[in-house]
Amino acid sequence: MYRNPWLRLREDAVVRDDGSAGVYAVIEKPHFAVVLAAERDGFWLVEQFRHPVGRRTWEFPQGTWPDGGSGSAEELARAELAEETGLRAGTLEHLGHLDLAPGLSTQEFDVWLATDLTPGPTAREATEADMVTAFVPATELRTMIGDGRFSDGPSLAAYALHLLARPEPGRGRRPGGELTSPPGRAAHPGHSGAWRPATKG
């Protein structure tokens, strides 16, 4: 239906659980990486102007491959961190894989924790010419979240995964970083129904 170098918009004909027909608009975008660059009990953030909301926003470094680019999820994380901040990560830990907006888009993203950082040159794209980088202590980041200065959804989700990955009283970590839960707590079975695609536009 519509396509440009960054996204594709399609409209699917669907059949709902009750048998009724409908249409569903879907935005297709490539997966991206969000990187928490951590050191000295704080994080490196980037700030840039975001046209859709008409203002500058603070975020963790993030992005996807340019049109025609490709590589592994880890390679993308390292590339985005270096491109936007100039930092190179000696250690990169995968914190999780999330859906951006499953009711609207196919886009997903991986969250990474970067440590053992060394500085280097940036390689920002033309759309990132106004970008600035700043180191923010963890206490200041929490203040920024509370007063709305740090409001980027993927960045907040990434920060939540980072907090969940830290051991808490009564919770340990299995090998590989997986968190254990208290005994007797079962997973929610979820809803088994689904919309069945009829045709795709």
Foldseek 3Di string as FASTA:
>chain_A
DDDDQFKDKWKFWWQFPVRDIDIAIEIEGEEKEFEFEDDPQWTKWKWDQDVVVGGIAIFGQMDDDGRPDDDDLVVRRQLSCCQQFQKGAPDKAWLDKADDDVRHYPYIYTYIYGYPIDGGHHNYDPRCPVMDMDIDHPVVVVVCVVVVRHDDPVRVVNVVSVVVLDDDVPWDADPSSHIDDDPPDDDDPDDPGDIGTDGID
